Amino acid sequence: MISSPTDIETQLSELNQDATGAIAAADNLERLEQLRVNYLGKKGQLSQILRGMGKLSAEERPRIGAIANQVKDALQNSLDAAKTHLEEAAIASQLEAETLDVTMPGVGRPLGRLHPLNSTIDRFIEIFLGLGYTVAEGPEMESEYYNFEALNTPADHPARDMQDTFYLPNGNLLRTQTSSVQIRYMETHEPPLRIIAPGRVYRRDTVDATHSAVFHQVELLAIDKGLTFTDLKGTIKEFVRQMFGEELPMLFRASYFPFTEPSAEVDVQWRGKWLEVAGCGMVDPNVLKAVGYDPEVYSGFAAGFGVERFAMVLHQIDDIRRLYNSDLRFLRQF
């Protein structure tokens, strides 16, 4: 059947009407592209209608062609307008979803704080690094050799009594001092050396306001040729000055430690009272021999500082147990 000009005009009018309504109802870009292909594509409805123009007379073709172009242009304009509208709507929706309302209350994320023990240890490390020392670490579970024997502590020494030391079923123990780190370090390093050994230590102490079964130490060790007790005193004096931020009267009291000779305990005058802050001394020759150093060539000094004591003084803490009970009311002060 040959299409007449009237039939083609009717089809073009119906196509324009149907397509305009469908384009207006499209709610996303994917649907809009499907409509474009359906109506204006190479195999679309407009192309199918125009195939019938080949049967028209030469006089009718220009007129029908003009109508077809008008329909095509109208549909393309409708498609372009709809596409622009949908793209703008998508952008607006994205902006609305991503917009930050600066007038709304913020979501609180509490910042963490350093525990006073950690901050005190950090201060120890900062000071001694500035004095040329290196941080060394070692295991908390130790053998008797590293914890006692290599430190010149004989088997009958009171410090080896089970009332002071946590012994383990496998024959090892929980270290009672970080001095064991010094032995391990000296075994693998040749002098000269300057180290500090911060860490946890364990003793069978009764817990009270000034004692704990678990506490922290920072051990100091320097080995070189020609070191004397004067070098030890100068090092401790400078450390205390930097830690407390001022020159403090200092007292070295004669004492005894199996791994140092001579030995002393160090007191500083703090707020009108004498406060013990360290035990120290020249490294005993037997300790040097235990790690293969020649005590005729090298000498050294060592000192041990109680971290809890320094933290309590620096922060005016009246009871050591406050450092371990995880009370947020207390910890938020630091």
Protein backbone atom coordinates (compact mmCIF):
# COMPACT_ATOMS: atom_id res chain seq x y z
CA MET A 1 0.00 0.00 0.00
CA ILE A 2 1.34 3.37 -1.08
CA SER A 3 1.34 6.05 1.67
CA SER A 4 -0.38 9.27 0.71
CA PRO A 5 0.86 12.72 1.76
CA THR A 6 -2.04 12.92 4.17
CA ASP A 7 -1.09 9.61 5.81
CA ILE A 8 2.53 10.72 6.29
CA GLU A 9 1.44 14.07 7.73
CA THR A 10 -0.84 12.24 10.19
CA GLN A 11 1.96 9.85 11.19
CA LEU A 12 4.37 12.74 11.71
CA SER A 13 1.79 14.58 13.83
CA GLU A 14 1.10 11.52 15.96
CA LEU A 15 4.84 10.83 16.33
CA ASN A 16 5.44 14.40 17.46
CA GLN A 17 2.63 14.22 19.99
CA ASP A 18 3.61 10.79 21.41
CA ALA A 19 7.33 11.58 21.53
CA THR A 20 6.80 14.98 23.21
CA GLY A 21 4.74 13.36 25.96
CA ALA A 22 7.21 10.53 26.47
CA ILE A 23 10.17 12.92 26.65
CA ALA A 24 8.40 15.09 29.20
CA ALA A 25 7.73 12.02 31.37
CA ALA A 26 11.33 10.71 31.28
CA ASP A 27 12.78 10.79 34.82
CA ASN A 28 16.42 9.86 34.17
CA LEU A 29 19.07 10.23 31.50
CA GLU A 30 19.11 6.55 30.65
CA ARG A 31 15.39 6.60 29.81
CA LEU A 32 15.89 9.80 27.79
CA GLU A 33 18.58 8.16 25.65
CA GLN A 34 16.27 5.21 24.96
CA LEU A 35 13.59 7.63 23.70
CA ARG A 36 16.09 9.43 21.44
CA VAL A 37 17.10 6.15 19.81
CA ASN A 38 13.47 5.02 19.52
CA TYR A 39 12.25 8.20 17.82
CA LEU A 40 15.26 9.75 16.07
CA GLY A 41 17.71 6.89 15.67
CA LYS A 42 18.70 5.43 12.29
CA LYS A 43 16.12 2.71 12.76
CA GLY A 44 13.77 4.90 14.77
CA GLN A 45 10.14 5.74 14.10
CA LEU A 46 10.89 8.98 12.23
CA SER A 47 13.19 7.13 9.81
CA GLN A 48 10.52 4.48 9.21
CA ILE A 49 7.90 7.14 8.39
CA LEU A 50 10.24 8.96 6.00
CA ARG A 51 10.80 5.80 3.98
CA GLY A 52 7.36 6.34 2.51
CA MET A 53 8.40 9.68 0.96
CA GLY A 54 9.99 7.86 -1.95
CA LYS A 55 6.50 7.10 -3.27
CA LEU A 56 5.41 10.74 -3.20
CA SER A 57 5.27 12.97 -6.22
CA ALA A 58 8.02 15.49 -6.85
CA GLU A 59 5.64 18.30 -5.88
CA GLU A 60 4.70 16.76 -2.44
CA ARG A 61 8.18 15.70 -1.28
CA PRO A 62 9.49 19.20 -0.39
CA ARG A 63 6.40 20.03 1.66
CA ILE A 64 6.36 16.72 3.56
CA GLY A 65 10.17 16.93 4.00
CA ALA A 66 9.80 20.37 5.58
CA ILE A 67 7.18 19.02 8.00
CA ALA A 68 9.44 16.06 8.86
CA ASN A 69 12.38 18.41 9.58
CA GLN A 70 10.16 20.54 11.81
CA VAL A 71 9.14 17.43 13.78
CA LYS A 72 12.75 16.26 14.00
CA ASP A 73 13.97 19.68 15.21
CA ALA A 74 11.13 19.95 17.72
CA LEU A 75 11.88 16.51 19.16
CA GLN A 76 15.64 17.22 19.29
CA ASN A 77 14.98 20.49 21.13
CA SER A 78 12.70 18.67 23.56
CA LEU A 79 15.39 16.01 24.12
CA ASP A 80 18.09 18.64 24.70
CA ALA A 81 15.92 20.60 27.11
CA ALA A 82 14.98 17.44 29.03
CA LYS A 83 18.62 16.35 29.19
CA THR A 84 19.70 19.73 30.56
CA HIS A 85 16.93 19.63 33.15
CA LEU A 86 17.80 16.09 34.31
CA GLU A 87 21.55 16.89 34.53
CA GLU A 88 20.85 20.00 36.60
CA ALA A 89 18.52 18.04 38.85
CA ALA A 90 21.19 15.34 39.35
CA ILE A 91 23.80 17.97 40.26
CA ALA A 92 21.40 19.67 42.66
CA SER A 93 20.59 16.35 44.30
CA GLN A 94 24.29 15.53 44.70
CA LEU A 95 25.03 18.96 46.16
CA GLU A 96 22.16 18.60 48.60
CA ALA A 97 23.42 15.20 49.71
CA GLU A 98 27.02 16.41 50.09
CA THR A 99 26.39 19.86 51.50
CA LEU A 100 27.72 20.42 55.02
CA ASP A 101 25.41 22.44 57.19
CA VAL A 102 27.87 24.53 59.17
CA THR A 103 25.10 25.65 61.51
CA MET A 104 24.57 22.09 62.81
CA PRO A 105 26.31 21.00 66.02
CA GLY A 106 29.53 19.08 65.36
CA VAL A 107 29.98 15.41 66.16
CA GLY A 108 32.39 15.24 69.10
CA ARG A 109 35.46 13.05 68.70
CA PRO A 110 37.39 13.15 71.97
CA LEU A 111 41.14 13.43 71.57
CA GLY A 112 43.34 10.90 73.29
CA ARG A 113 45.87 11.97 75.89
CA LEU A 114 49.22 10.57 76.87
CA HIS A 115 49.14 8.70 80.15
CA PRO A 116 51.31 10.53 82.71
CA LEU A 117 53.65 7.53 82.87
CA ASN A 118 54.09 7.55 79.08
CA SER A 119 54.68 11.29 78.98
CA THR A 120 57.25 10.99 81.77
CA ILE A 121 59.09 8.19 79.94
CA ASP A 122 59.01 10.30 76.77
CA ARG A 123 60.59 13.14 78.73
CA PHE A 124 63.33 10.80 80.01
CA ILE A 125 64.07 9.68 76.46
CA GLU A 126 64.04 13.22 75.07
CA ILE A 127 66.56 14.42 77.66
CA PHE A 128 68.95 11.49 77.31
CA LEU A 129 68.80 11.52 73.51
CA GLY A 130 69.90 15.12 73.75
CA LEU A 131 72.84 13.98 75.90
CA GLY A 132 73.94 11.47 73.27
CA TYR A 133 72.34 8.27 74.55
CA THR A 134 70.57 5.54 72.58
CA VAL A 135 67.38 3.70 73.64
CA ALA A 136 67.78 -0.07 74.16
CA GLU A 137 65.05 -2.60 74.93
CA GLY A 138 64.88 -6.18 76.15
CA PRO A 139 62.44 -8.93 77.23
CA GLU A 140 60.34 -8.62 80.37
CA MET A 141 60.60 -12.38 80.97
CA GLU A 142 64.22 -13.04 81.85
CA SER A 143 66.57 -15.79 82.96
CA GLU A 144 68.35 -15.70 86.30
CA TYR A 145 71.61 -15.22 84.46
CA TYR A 146 70.66 -11.87 82.89
CA ASN A 147 68.62 -10.63 85.83
CA PHE A 148 71.09 -11.62 88.56
CA GLU A 149 74.24 -13.57 87.79
CA ALA A 150 75.67 -11.37 85.04
CA LEU A 151 74.93 -8.37 87.26
CA ASN A 152 77.20 -9.77 89.99
CA THR A 153 74.30 -10.74 92.23
CA PRO A 154 75.26 -13.91 94.13
CA ALA A 155 72.80 -16.71 94.76
CA ASP A 156 72.40 -15.84 98.44
CA HIS A 157 71.69 -12.14 97.85
CA PRO A 158 68.39 -10.98 99.45
CA ALA A 159 67.21 -9.60 96.11
CA ARG A 160 66.95 -13.16 94.83
CA ASP A 161 64.51 -14.17 97.56
CA MET A 162 61.11 -15.27 96.23
CA GLN A 163 59.50 -12.55 98.31
CA ASP A 164 61.01 -9.99 95.90
CA THR A 165 60.98 -11.83 92.56
CA PHE A 166 58.19 -13.38 90.49
CA TYR A 167 59.59 -16.77 89.47
CA LEU A 168 57.89 -18.65 86.63
CA PRO A 169 57.26 -22.42 86.36
CA ASN A 170 59.69 -22.75 83.43
CA GLY A 171 62.61 -21.55 85.54
CA ASN A 172 62.56 -17.99 84.21
CA LEU A 173 61.35 -14.90 86.04
CA LEU A 174 59.79 -11.49 85.47
CA ARG A 175 62.65 -9.03 85.43
CA THR A 176 63.09 -7.05 88.63
CA GLN A 177 65.13 -4.33 86.90
CA THR A 178 65.88 -3.15 83.39
CA SER A 179 69.60 -3.60 84.13
CA SER A 180 69.27 -6.93 82.35
CA VAL A 181 68.95 -4.98 79.11
CA GLN A 182 72.42 -3.56 79.73
CA ILE A 183 73.96 -7.04 79.80
CA ARG A 184 72.23 -8.09 76.58
CA TYR A 185 73.28 -4.88 74.87
CA MET A 186 76.91 -5.12 75.96
CA GLU A 187 77.10 -8.72 74.72
CA THR A 188 76.45 -7.56 71.16
CA HIS A 189 78.12 -4.12 71.11
CA GLU A 190 81.66 -2.98 71.62
CA PRO A 191 82.44 0.11 73.70
CA PRO A 192 82.23 3.03 73.79
CA LEU A 193 78.48 3.00 74.35
CA ARG A 194 75.82 5.12 76.01
CA ILE A 195 72.32 3.70 76.39
CA ILE A 196 69.15 4.05 78.40
CA ALA A 197 66.74 1.15 78.96
CA PRO A 198 63.17 2.18 79.81
CA GLY A 199 60.57 -0.46 80.60
CA ARG A 200 58.29 -2.33 83.00
CA VAL A 201 59.69 -4.29 85.92
CA TYR A 202 58.07 -6.60 88.48
CA ARG A 203 58.60 -7.20 92.20
CA ARG A 204 56.61 -8.92 94.91
CA ASP A 205 55.88 -5.68 96.74
CA THR A 206 52.80 -4.97 98.78
CA VAL A 207 50.74 -2.40 96.90
CA ASP A 208 50.23 0.85 98.80
CA ALA A 209 50.39 4.59 98.17
CA THR A 210 54.09 4.48 97.22
CA HIS A 211 54.66 0.88 96.07
CA SER A 212 53.42 -1.28 93.22
CA ALA A 213 54.12 -4.83 92.08
CA VAL A 214 54.46 -3.51 88.54
CA PHE A 215 56.31 -0.30 87.91
CA HIS A 216 58.69 1.35 85.42
CA GLN A 217 62.38 2.08 85.40
CA VAL A 218 64.80 3.91 83.16
CA GLU A 219 68.31 2.47 83.40
CA LEU A 220 71.33 4.49 82.33
CA LEU A 221 74.64 2.96 81.21
CA ALA A 222 77.82 4.51 79.82
CA ILE A 223 81.01 2.54 79.02
CA ASP A 224 84.19 4.17 77.73
CA LYS A 225 87.82 4.69 78.54
CA GLY A 226 88.51 6.94 81.51
CA LEU A 227 84.96 7.45 82.84
CA THR A 228 84.86 8.44 86.50
CA PHE A 229 82.34 9.07 89.27
CA THR A 230 82.60 12.76 88.42
CA ASP A 231 81.18 12.00 84.95
CA LEU A 232 78.32 10.13 86.60
CA LYS A 233 77.52 13.01 88.95
CA GLY A 234 77.63 15.54 86.12
CA THR A 235 75.28 13.43 83.96
CA ILE A 236 72.72 12.96 86.73
CA LYS A 237 72.91 16.61 87.74
CA GLU A 238 72.24 17.74 84.17
CA PHE A 239 69.39 15.25 83.77
CA VAL A 240 67.71 16.40 87.00
CA ARG A 241 68.10 20.04 85.97
CA GLN A 242 66.37 19.40 82.65
CA MET A 243 63.68 17.17 84.15
CA PHE A 244 62.65 19.60 86.91
CA GLY A 245 63.49 22.74 84.96
CA GLU A 246 65.73 24.23 87.63
CA GLU A 247 68.92 23.71 89.59
CA LEU A 248 68.15 21.66 92.70
CA PRO A 249 70.34 20.93 95.73
CA MET A 250 71.60 17.36 95.27
CA LEU A 251 72.95 14.79 97.69
CA PHE A 252 74.82 11.56 96.84
CA ARG A 253 74.56 9.08 99.74
CA ALA A 254 76.83 6.04 99.89
CA SER A 255 74.90 2.84 99.24
CA TYR A 256 75.37 -0.72 98.00
CA PHE A 257 74.35 -2.41 94.76
CA PRO A 258 75.95 -5.69 93.68
CA PHE A 259 76.56 -4.49 90.12
CA THR A 260 78.17 -1.10 90.92
CA GLU A 261 81.14 -0.16 93.09
CA PRO A 262 81.24 2.45 94.49
CA SER A 263 77.47 2.93 94.69
CA ALA A 264 75.25 5.79 95.78
CA GLU A 265 71.65 6.87 96.11
CA VAL A 266 70.72 10.29 94.82
CA ASP A 267 68.47 12.73 96.69
CA VAL A 268 67.32 16.11 95.47
CA GLN A 269 65.71 18.84 97.53
CA TRP A 270 62.19 19.30 96.24
CA ARG A 271 59.66 21.62 97.88
CA GLY A 272 61.66 21.72 101.10
CA LYS A 273 62.15 17.95 101.40
CA TRP A 274 64.88 15.52 100.35
CA LEU A 275 63.57 13.18 97.68
CA GLU A 276 65.35 10.01 96.53
CA VAL A 277 65.34 9.92 92.72
CA ALA A 278 67.95 7.35 91.67
CA GLY A 279 70.44 4.67 92.56
CA CYS A 280 73.78 4.77 90.78
CA GLY A 281 77.44 3.86 90.77
CA MET A 282 80.47 2.84 88.77
CA VAL A 283 79.99 -0.47 86.94
CA ASP A 284 81.57 -3.32 88.90
CA PRO A 285 84.57 -4.89 87.10
CA ASN A 286 82.90 -8.32 87.40
CA VAL A 287 79.99 -7.07 85.27
CA LEU A 288 82.42 -5.88 82.60
CA LYS A 289 84.17 -9.25 82.64
CA ALA A 290 80.83 -11.09 82.27
CA VAL A 291 80.30 -9.45 78.85
CA GLY A 292 83.89 -9.73 77.68
CA TYR A 293 85.06 -6.16 78.38
CA ASP A 294 88.49 -5.59 79.86
CA PRO A 295 88.02 -3.63 83.13
CA GLU A 296 91.68 -2.55 82.91
CA VAL A 297 90.83 -0.67 79.70
CA TYR A 298 87.21 0.39 80.12
CA SER A 299 85.18 1.82 82.96
CA GLY A 300 81.56 2.83 83.14
CA PHE A 301 78.71 4.14 85.23
CA ALA A 302 75.08 3.16 85.61
CA ALA A 303 71.99 4.64 87.22
CA GLY A 304 68.39 3.57 87.72
CA PHE A 305 65.45 5.98 87.88
CA GLY A 306 61.92 5.18 89.05
CA VAL A 307 59.47 6.60 86.50
CA GLU A 308 56.49 6.55 88.87
CA ARG A 309 58.38 8.61 91.43
CA PHE A 310 59.17 11.28 88.84
CA ALA A 311 55.60 11.27 87.50
CA MET A 312 54.20 11.71 91.01
CA VAL A 313 56.51 14.63 91.73
CA LEU A 314 56.05 16.36 88.37
CA HIS A 315 52.23 16.09 88.47
CA GLN A 316 51.74 16.32 92.25
CA ILE A 317 50.14 12.85 92.46
CA ASP A 318 49.64 11.67 96.03
CA ASP A 319 49.06 7.93 95.46
CA ILE A 320 50.85 5.64 92.98
CA ARG A 321 47.68 3.58 92.59
CA ARG A 322 46.02 6.45 90.75
CA LEU A 323 48.38 5.75 87.85
CA TYR A 324 46.92 2.27 87.36
CA ASN A 325 43.20 2.39 88.15
CA SER A 326 42.15 3.81 84.71
CA ASP A 327 39.90 6.44 86.29
CA LEU A 328 39.02 8.81 83.44
CA ARG A 329 38.35 11.63 85.89
CA PHE A 330 42.00 11.39 86.87
CA LEU A 331 43.47 10.76 83.41
CA ARG A 332 41.60 13.67 81.79
CA GLN A 333 43.73 16.07 83.83
CA PHE A 334 46.82 15.30 81.76
